[in-house]
Amino acid sequence: MVHATVTWDAFSIILESCSRPRTFRTPPQNTIALAGSTLVAPSIPWITDHLDSSPSIDTLIQDILQGKAVAVCDGSYFEQYATAAAAWTLSSADRVEWIEGSGIVPGVTSELNSYRAELAGLLRPAVVLQCLSPLLVALEPTLDNTMVFACNNICALEKTAVSRDKVKVSWKSVGIIAQLLDL
């Protein structure tokens, strides 16, 4: 998929910028190692640019299954550098076991802002939960749990509860919103 930013007036449409199709010099890894477990790599490669965990995540897995785990994220936009970044942590209730990550948020300069950074912060632990799903389902095949996600941008948090068919292409950061809702 190629992303384009356009502007227009009464007479023309102007292509401001566009992304290049993603190319890989080496094939992407299809697995990641996390706390001694080998998991399927996320479908969104930039999610695991910087990923770390406690030596064990057994209690974290149990807390996810019991609805006691917590995910917290924060995103920031650094106007001076025209860069957005996000960091997050997924923690057991006792905060002893965790998975955390951080990284630069992709996007064209004109679309980078703190809102997009917060959305990326919400997306990252959600995608990691998707990577953990084989471990979770192995322990509880009828997995239907909830989890607390915390972020300090209420507008970004509210977008995660929108019905997928209500998403509008005119929304800021619609690509990240759609990825969140598709999980």
C-alpha atoms as a PDB file:
ATOM      1  CA  MET A   1       0.000   0.000   0.000  1.00  0.00           C
ATOM      2  CA  VAL A   2       1.283   3.459  -0.870  1.00  0.00           C
ATOM      3  CA  HIS A   3       0.192   6.438   1.205  1.00  0.00           C
ATOM      4  CA  ALA A   4      -0.243   9.831  -0.457  1.00  0.00           C
ATOM      5  CA  THR A   5      -0.897  13.306   0.902  1.00  0.00           C
ATOM      6  CA  VAL A   6      -2.701  15.629  -1.495  1.00  0.00           C
ATOM      7  CA  THR A   7      -4.054  19.152  -1.491  1.00  0.00           C
ATOM      8  CA  TRP A   8      -6.452  20.632  -3.989  1.00  0.00           C
ATOM      9  CA  ASP A   9      -8.093  23.773  -5.192  1.00  0.00           C
ATOM     10  CA  ALA A  10     -10.813  24.487  -7.719  1.00  0.00           C
ATOM     11  CA  PHE A  11      -8.527  23.656 -10.652  1.00  0.00           C
ATOM     12  CA  SER A  12      -6.096  20.948  -9.640  1.00  0.00           C
ATOM     13  CA  ILE A  13      -5.039  18.207  -7.262  1.00  0.00           C
ATOM     14  CA  ILE A  14      -1.478  18.512  -5.986  1.00  0.00           C
ATOM     15  CA  LEU A  15       0.506  15.527  -4.758  1.00  0.00           C
ATOM     16  CA  GLU A  16       2.352  16.842  -1.683  1.00  0.00           C
ATOM     17  CA  SER A  17       4.111  13.618  -0.757  1.00  0.00           C
ATOM     18  CA  CYS A  18       3.811   9.875  -1.015  1.00  0.00           C
ATOM     19  CA  SER A  19       5.409   6.872   0.582  1.00  0.00           C
ATOM     20  CA  ARG A  20       7.402   4.421  -1.405  1.00  0.00           C
ATOM     21  CA  PRO A  21       6.265   0.820  -1.515  1.00  0.00           C
ATOM     22  CA  ARG A  22       8.000  -1.075   1.281  1.00  0.00           C
ATOM     23  CA  THR A  23      10.945  -3.093   0.049  1.00  0.00           C
ATOM     24  CA  PHE A  24      13.092  -5.407   2.091  1.00  0.00           C
ATOM     25  CA  ARG A  25      16.738  -6.037   1.338  1.00  0.00           C
ATOM     26  CA  THR A  26      16.524  -9.194   3.390  1.00  0.00           C
ATOM     27  CA  PRO A  27      13.325 -11.097   4.049  1.00  0.00           C
ATOM     28  CA  PRO A  28      11.608  -9.926   7.236  1.00  0.00           C
ATOM     29  CA  GLN A  29      11.910 -12.249  10.188  1.00  0.00           C
ATOM     30  CA  ASN A  30       8.769 -14.248  10.698  1.00  0.00           C
ATOM     31  CA  THR A  31       9.455 -14.866  14.384  1.00  0.00           C
ATOM     32  CA  ILE A  32      10.558 -12.873  17.390  1.00  0.00           C
ATOM     33  CA  ALA A  33      12.122 -14.092  20.621  1.00  0.00           C
ATOM     34  CA  LEU A  34      10.548 -12.860  23.824  1.00  0.00           C
ATOM     35  CA  ALA A  35      11.352 -14.116  27.344  1.00  0.00           C
ATOM     36  CA  GLY A  36      12.576 -17.446  26.034  1.00  0.00           C
ATOM     37  CA  SER A  37       9.548 -17.959  23.775  1.00  0.00           C
ATOM     38  CA  THR A  38       9.517 -17.836  20.006  1.00  0.00           C
ATOM     39  CA  LEU A  39       6.483 -15.978  18.712  1.00  0.00           C
ATOM     40  CA  VAL A  40       5.114 -15.113  15.306  1.00  0.00           C
ATOM     41  CA  ALA A  41       6.435 -11.701  14.327  1.00  0.00           C
ATOM     42  CA  PRO A  42       3.900  -8.887  14.124  1.00  0.00           C
ATOM     43  CA  SER A  43       2.295  -8.071  10.806  1.00  0.00           C
ATOM     44  CA  ILE A  44       3.444  -4.450  11.232  1.00  0.00           C
ATOM     45  CA  PRO A  45       7.273  -4.609  11.229  1.00  0.00           C
ATOM     46  CA  TRP A  46       8.020  -1.237  12.891  1.00  0.00           C
ATOM     47  CA  ILE A  47       6.136  -2.333  16.001  1.00  0.00           C
ATOM     48  CA  THR A  48       9.092  -4.344  17.285  1.00  0.00           C
ATOM     49  CA  ASP A  49      11.925  -1.939  16.439  1.00  0.00           C
ATOM     50  CA  HIS A  50      12.772  -1.716  20.154  1.00  0.00           C
ATOM     51  CA  LEU A  51      11.272  -4.538  22.187  1.00  0.00           C
ATOM     52  CA  ASP A  52      12.330  -5.941  25.553  1.00  0.00           C
ATOM     53  CA  SER A  53      10.841  -8.073  28.309  1.00  0.00           C
ATOM     54  CA  SER A  54      11.468  -9.397  31.778  1.00  0.00           C
ATOM     55  CA  PRO A  55      13.261 -12.787  31.811  1.00  0.00           C
ATOM     56  CA  SER A  56       9.930 -14.528  32.342  1.00  0.00           C
ATOM     57  CA  ILE A  57       6.422 -13.543  31.258  1.00  0.00           C
ATOM     58  CA  ASP A  58       4.504 -16.475  32.786  1.00  0.00           C
ATOM     59  CA  THR A  59       2.777 -14.323  35.417  1.00  0.00           C
ATOM     60  CA  LEU A  60       2.085 -11.654  32.800  1.00  0.00           C
ATOM     61  CA  ILE A  61       0.390 -14.266  30.602  1.00  0.00           C
ATOM     62  CA  GLN A  62      -1.772 -15.393  33.541  1.00  0.00           C
ATOM     63  CA  ASP A  63      -2.647 -11.792  34.383  1.00  0.00           C
ATOM     64  CA  ILE A  64      -3.655 -11.161  30.756  1.00  0.00           C
ATOM     65  CA  LEU A  65      -5.923 -14.219  30.899  1.00  0.00           C
ATOM     66  CA  GLN A  66      -7.426 -13.046  34.200  1.00  0.00           C
ATOM     67  CA  GLY A  67      -7.892  -9.461  33.021  1.00  0.00           C
ATOM     68  CA  LYS A  68      -5.407  -8.073  35.565  1.00  0.00           C
ATOM     69  CA  ALA A  69      -2.599  -6.957  33.232  1.00  0.00           C
ATOM     70  CA  VAL A  70      -2.250  -3.298  32.312  1.00  0.00           C
ATOM     71  CA  ALA A  71      -0.903  -1.608  29.192  1.00  0.00           C
ATOM     72  CA  VAL A  72       0.306   1.999  29.391  1.00  0.00           C
ATOM     73  CA  CYS A  73       1.596   4.097  26.520  1.00  0.00           C
ATOM     74  CA  ASP A  74       2.738   7.593  25.784  1.00  0.00           C
ATOM     75  CA  GLY A  75       3.432   9.283  22.497  1.00  0.00           C
ATOM     76  CA  SER A  76       5.153  12.570  21.811  1.00  0.00           C
ATOM     77  CA  TYR A  77       5.806  14.839  18.893  1.00  0.00           C
ATOM     78  CA  PHE A  78       9.123  16.673  18.768  1.00  0.00           C
ATOM     79  CA  GLU A  79       8.445  19.649  16.518  1.00  0.00           C
ATOM     80  CA  GLN A  80      12.076  20.770  16.498  1.00  0.00           C
ATOM     81  CA  TYR A  81      13.063  17.437  14.905  1.00  0.00           C
ATOM     82  CA  ALA A  82       9.782  16.768  13.028  1.00  0.00           C
ATOM     83  CA  THR A  83       9.705  13.365  14.718  1.00  0.00           C
ATOM     84  CA  ALA A  84       7.021  11.454  16.566  1.00  0.00           C
ATOM     85  CA  ALA A  85       7.820   8.627  18.965  1.00  0.00           C
ATOM     86  CA  ALA A  86       5.955   6.335  21.313  1.00  0.00           C
ATOM     87  CA  ALA A  87       6.831   4.131  24.262  1.00  0.00           C
ATOM     88  CA  TRP A  88       4.669   1.553  26.001  1.00  0.00           C
ATOM     89  CA  THR A  89       4.688  -1.167  28.610  1.00  0.00           C
ATOM     90  CA  LEU A  90       2.500  -4.210  29.163  1.00  0.00           C
ATOM     91  CA  SER A  91       2.773  -5.265  32.795  1.00  0.00           C
ATOM     92  CA  SER A  92       1.618  -7.943  35.203  1.00  0.00           C
ATOM     93  CA  ALA A  93      -0.515  -6.684  38.092  1.00  0.00           C
ATOM     94  CA  ASP A  94       2.477  -6.850  40.467  1.00  0.00           C
ATOM     95  CA  ARG A  95       4.681  -5.029  37.873  1.00  0.00           C
ATOM     96  CA  VAL A  96       7.360  -7.733  38.146  1.00  0.00           C
ATOM     97  CA  GLU A  97       6.903  -9.137  34.640  1.00  0.00           C
ATOM     98  CA  TRP A  98       6.596  -6.932  31.611  1.00  0.00           C
ATOM     99  CA  ILE A  99       7.031  -6.408  27.911  1.00  0.00           C
ATOM    100  CA  GLU A 100       7.947  -2.944  26.735  1.00  0.00           C
ATOM    101  CA  GLY A 101       8.878  -1.168  23.586  1.00  0.00           C
ATOM    102  CA  SER A 102       9.477   2.160  21.962  1.00  0.00           C
ATOM    103  CA  GLY A 103      10.277   3.647  18.628  1.00  0.00           C
ATOM    104  CA  ILE A 104       9.852   6.278  15.997  1.00  0.00           C
ATOM    105  CA  VAL A 105       6.359   6.609  14.539  1.00  0.00           C
ATOM    106  CA  PRO A 106       6.352   6.380  10.740  1.00  0.00           C
ATOM    107  CA  GLY A 107       4.623   8.970   8.600  1.00  0.00           C
ATOM    108  CA  VAL A 108       5.167  11.978   6.397  1.00  0.00           C
ATOM    109  CA  THR A 109       6.215  15.136   8.232  1.00  0.00           C
ATOM    110  CA  SER A 110       2.926  16.927   7.577  1.00  0.00           C
ATOM    111  CA  GLU A 111       1.008  14.138   9.340  1.00  0.00           C
ATOM    112  CA  LEU A 112       3.234  13.737  12.392  1.00  0.00           C
ATOM    113  CA  ASN A 113       1.781  15.056  15.634  1.00  0.00           C
ATOM    114  CA  SER A 114       1.225  13.978  19.239  1.00  0.00           C
ATOM    115  CA  TYR A 115      -2.150  12.432  18.344  1.00  0.00           C
ATOM    116  CA  ARG A 116      -0.529  10.099  15.794  1.00  0.00           C
ATOM    117  CA  ALA A 117       2.189   9.272  18.337  1.00  0.00           C
ATOM    118  CA  GLU A 118      -0.424   8.345  20.960  1.00  0.00           C
ATOM    119  CA  LEU A 119      -2.255   6.140  18.444  1.00  0.00           C
ATOM    120  CA  ALA A 120       1.007   4.374  17.623  1.00  0.00           C
ATOM    121  CA  GLY A 121       1.578   3.935  21.351  1.00  0.00           C
ATOM    122  CA  LEU A 122      -1.811   2.215  21.623  1.00  0.00           C
ATOM    123  CA  LEU A 123      -1.175   0.106  18.531  1.00  0.00           C
ATOM    124  CA  ARG A 124       2.141  -1.360  19.669  1.00  0.00           C
ATOM    125  CA  PRO A 125       1.006  -3.302  22.780  1.00  0.00           C
ATOM    126  CA  ALA A 126      -2.159  -4.366  20.961  1.00  0.00           C
ATOM    127  CA  VAL A 127      -0.054  -5.927  18.191  1.00  0.00           C
ATOM    128  CA  VAL A 128       2.224  -7.591  20.748  1.00  0.00           C
ATOM    129  CA  LEU A 129      -0.894  -9.078  22.373  1.00  0.00           C
ATOM    130  CA  GLN A 130      -1.753 -10.474  18.957  1.00  0.00           C
ATOM    131  CA  CYS A 131       1.726 -12.063  18.822  1.00  0.00           C
ATOM    132  CA  LEU A 132       1.097 -13.563  22.280  1.00  0.00           C
ATOM    133  CA  SER A 133      -2.280 -15.010  21.253  1.00  0.00           C
ATOM    134  CA  PRO A 134      -0.941 -18.532  20.522  1.00  0.00           C
ATOM    135  CA  LEU A 135       0.386 -18.711  24.102  1.00  0.00           C
ATOM    136  CA  LEU A 136      -2.859 -17.310  25.491  1.00  0.00           C
ATOM    137  CA  VAL A 137      -5.123 -19.592  23.455  1.00  0.00           C
ATOM    138  CA  ALA A 138      -3.023 -22.631  24.400  1.00  0.00           C
ATOM    139  CA  LEU A 139      -3.828 -21.931  28.050  1.00  0.00           C
ATOM    140  CA  GLU A 140      -7.420 -20.807  27.569  1.00  0.00           C
ATOM    141  CA  PRO A 141      -8.967 -21.782  24.201  1.00  0.00           C
ATOM    142  CA  THR A 142     -12.112 -19.685  24.738  1.00  0.00           C
ATOM    143  CA  LEU A 143     -10.209 -16.482  25.299  1.00  0.00           C
ATOM    144  CA  ASP A 144     -12.579 -13.512  25.643  1.00  0.00           C
ATOM    145  CA  ASN A 145     -10.932 -11.123  28.063  1.00  0.00           C
ATOM    146  CA  THR A 146     -10.535  -7.426  28.545  1.00  0.00           C
ATOM    147  CA  MET A 147      -7.515  -5.391  29.523  1.00  0.00           C
ATOM    148  CA  VAL A 148      -6.905  -1.902  30.819  1.00  0.00           C
ATOM    149  CA  PHE A 149      -5.128   0.340  28.302  1.00  0.00           C
ATOM    150  CA  ALA A 150      -4.029   3.755  29.531  1.00  0.00           C
ATOM    151  CA  CYS A 151      -2.882   6.759  27.554  1.00  0.00           C
ATOM    152  CA  ASN A 152      -3.099  10.488  28.191  1.00  0.00           C
ATOM    153  CA  ASN A 153      -4.805  11.477  24.932  1.00  0.00           C
ATOM    154  CA  ILE A 154      -8.539  10.898  25.322  1.00  0.00           C
ATOM    155  CA  CYS A 155      -9.228  11.554  21.619  1.00  0.00           C
ATOM    156  CA  ALA A 156      -6.836   8.777  20.598  1.00  0.00           C
ATOM    157  CA  LEU A 157      -8.268   6.423  23.213  1.00  0.00           C
ATOM    158  CA  GLU A 158     -11.833   7.120  22.058  1.00  0.00           C
ATOM    159  CA  LYS A 159     -10.943   6.196  18.454  1.00  0.00           C
ATOM    160  CA  THR A 160     -10.121   2.654  19.594  1.00  0.00           C
ATOM    161  CA  ALA A 161     -13.779   2.114  20.470  1.00  0.00           C
ATOM    162  CA  VAL A 162     -15.229   3.223  17.127  1.00  0.00           C
ATOM    163  CA  SER A 163     -16.969   0.657  14.956  1.00  0.00           C
ATOM    164  CA  ARG A 164     -14.737  -0.223  11.969  1.00  0.00           C
ATOM    165  CA  ASP A 165     -17.481   0.697   9.476  1.00  0.00           C
ATOM    166  CA  LYS A 166     -17.658   4.231  10.939  1.00  0.00           C
ATOM    167  CA  VAL A 167     -14.017   5.048  10.144  1.00  0.00           C
ATOM    168  CA  LYS A 168     -13.649   7.974   7.748  1.00  0.00           C
ATOM    169  CA  VAL A 169     -10.697   8.327   5.404  1.00  0.00           C
ATOM    170  CA  SER A 170     -10.620  12.033   6.234  1.00  0.00           C
ATOM    171  CA  TRP A 171      -9.632  11.331   9.860  1.00  0.00           C
ATOM    172  CA  LYS A 172      -6.112  12.231  10.895  1.00  0.00           C
ATOM    173  CA  SER A 173      -3.919   9.121  11.132  1.00  0.00           C
ATOM    174  CA  VAL A 174      -6.671   6.950   9.679  1.00  0.00           C
ATOM    175  CA  GLY A 175      -4.116   4.261   8.775  1.00  0.00           C
ATOM    176  CA  ILE A 176      -3.122   3.685  12.391  1.00  0.00           C
ATOM    177  CA  ILE A 177      -6.746   3.872  13.567  1.00  0.00           C
ATOM    178  CA  ALA A 178      -7.731   1.238  11.003  1.00  0.00           C
ATOM    179  CA  GLN A 179      -4.861  -1.028  12.084  1.00  0.00           C
ATOM    180  CA  LEU A 180      -5.944  -0.737  15.713  1.00  0.00           C
ATOM    181  CA  LEU A 181      -9.556  -1.574  14.902  1.00  0.00           C
ATOM    182  CA  ASP A 182      -8.548  -4.501  12.691  1.00  0.00           C
ATOM    183  CA  LEU A 183      -6.826  -6.282  15.585  1.00  0.00           C
END
